C-alpha cells in the first residue's frame, strides 16, 4: 500500500466550509483521513493556497480545440461554425487525434480538471469505412487521457442522420460519424467497453441529438446504457432552429421526444438545455435527468442563456463542460452561470459560489459515472487542486469560495493531484512536455498543412 500525506494551507471541505491547515492522508489513491487545524508534518507534501477537489469537465469535443480563434472573422452562426468543424474532422486520423487530444487533455489538467467526459462521434475513416480496429479513434482518446494523467469517460456517440427528418448523412466528413443503425452502434461500443473499461476509464453512451438519431434507433442506445448502468448524454435544445425543426417533424420539443423514447432518467445528462419550455423543465425534474451547461461555448456560438436558476431549483445534477473549448477554464464556466443570470434577471447573488463549485466538482464527476470523486473526504479519490491566492487576479480576496469562483482562472492552478498522483507541479505538467508547443504543432499539422480553415 502506498501512503502519502498532503498538507493544505486552506481546503474546501464542502458547503460553505473552508478549513485551515488541512492534513489529507492518502493510501492507494484514496483519501483515508481529513484533519483541520494541523501544523504541517515534516513528511507531508505541501499544497499552498486554496485546495479544491478535482474538477470534472462533463462535456468535451477534443478536436474542436483546433478551431479556437479561427472562426471569429465574418459574421456567422452555429451552423456556419459547424461547417468549419466538419472540415477539421475530415483531416483527423488516429495518430493525429492522439497528438491533439493528448495536448488538449494536458491543458485540462493544468486547469485543475481531473476527469473529462469526451462526447466522441468521430469513429470511422473517410467515407465511413471502419478502421481495421473499429474503435481506433476511441483508443486514441483513451491513450491521450492516460498520457495526460486524467480520468476519461468516453461517451461513445450514436450519430446516424443529418436532420430531424432522418435525412441520410451527407457525403464527406459526416459519413465518418455513422454506424448505420443503433444496433450496429451498440455492437461496436460493446467491443470498446470490453477493451477499455479500467480504474481510470469509463465507457458511456450518447445520443448526439434528436436531429442526428432517428427515434426508431434511440432504444438500442438507451438499452445499452441501461444494461451497463452507464452514463447517457445527449445534446438537447441548444439552438432554436433545432427546436423549430423538431416541432415541425415530431410536433414535440426535443425534451419531449427524448422523454417518450425513454431516454430521460437519473443517469442521463441533457447537454446545453438552453431553450426549454415549462413542460421540458417538469420532464427533466420529474425524471431526475441532469443538465450540463457549457456557457463559454453557448455564448461563443450565440446560442442563448439557459434557465440555470430554474434547473438548480430542482433535484437533478447540474454539471459544467467546456464543449468546443473556446476556453478551457471551469472557473469561467462556473461564474458565467451566475453572471448570465445577473444579465437576464438584473439582480446579483442568484447562485452561491458553493453551489457553482459543486457543479464543477461532485456533480460533474457523478454525471460521468465517477460517484467516488469530487469531495475531500475519506473514501473519495484523492484528487486535489491548489489555487493560487496571491496572483494578480486573486490577491487580497482571501481563502474564500467567492475568490475562487469570481476571481480565479485556470492560470491560477498551481498543483494538481489525480488519484493520489501528482500530475501538475508549480504550473508544469509532469508527463506531457511543453503542452502549448504540442498544441501548436498538432493544430498546425491538422489545419495549416494542406488544409486551411481560416
Foldseek 3Di string as FASTA:
>chain_A
DDKAKEFEQWEDFADFDIAGRWIWIADQQFTAAIDGPDDDDPRHHYFYAYKFFFFEFQEAAQQLLLCQPVPPPDDDFPVVVVVLVLLLLLQDDLVLLLLRLLLSLLLLVLLRHQEYEHADQQFDHAPLHADPLRRSNVVSNLVSNVLLRHAYAHAYEAFAAQFLQRHGQDHGSSSSRHQNALQSSLVSVVVVQVVRDDPRYHYHYEYAFSTGHPLVRVVSRQVSCVVVVFAYEYAFPQAVVRQVRCCVNPVDGRLVSCVVSVNAAQSYEHEQQADDDPVSLVSNLVRLHHYEYQVVVSVVNVRHGRPVLSNVVGDHQYAYHNYSPNDNKLLVRLVSNQVSVCVVVVDHDSDDLSSSLCRRFQSSCVNRVQNQTRRSGGRHRPWMWRFDCCDPQRDPVPNGSCSSNVTGTSNRTAWIAGSNHTQHHRSAGDRDPPSVVSNVVSSCVSAVPPHHSD
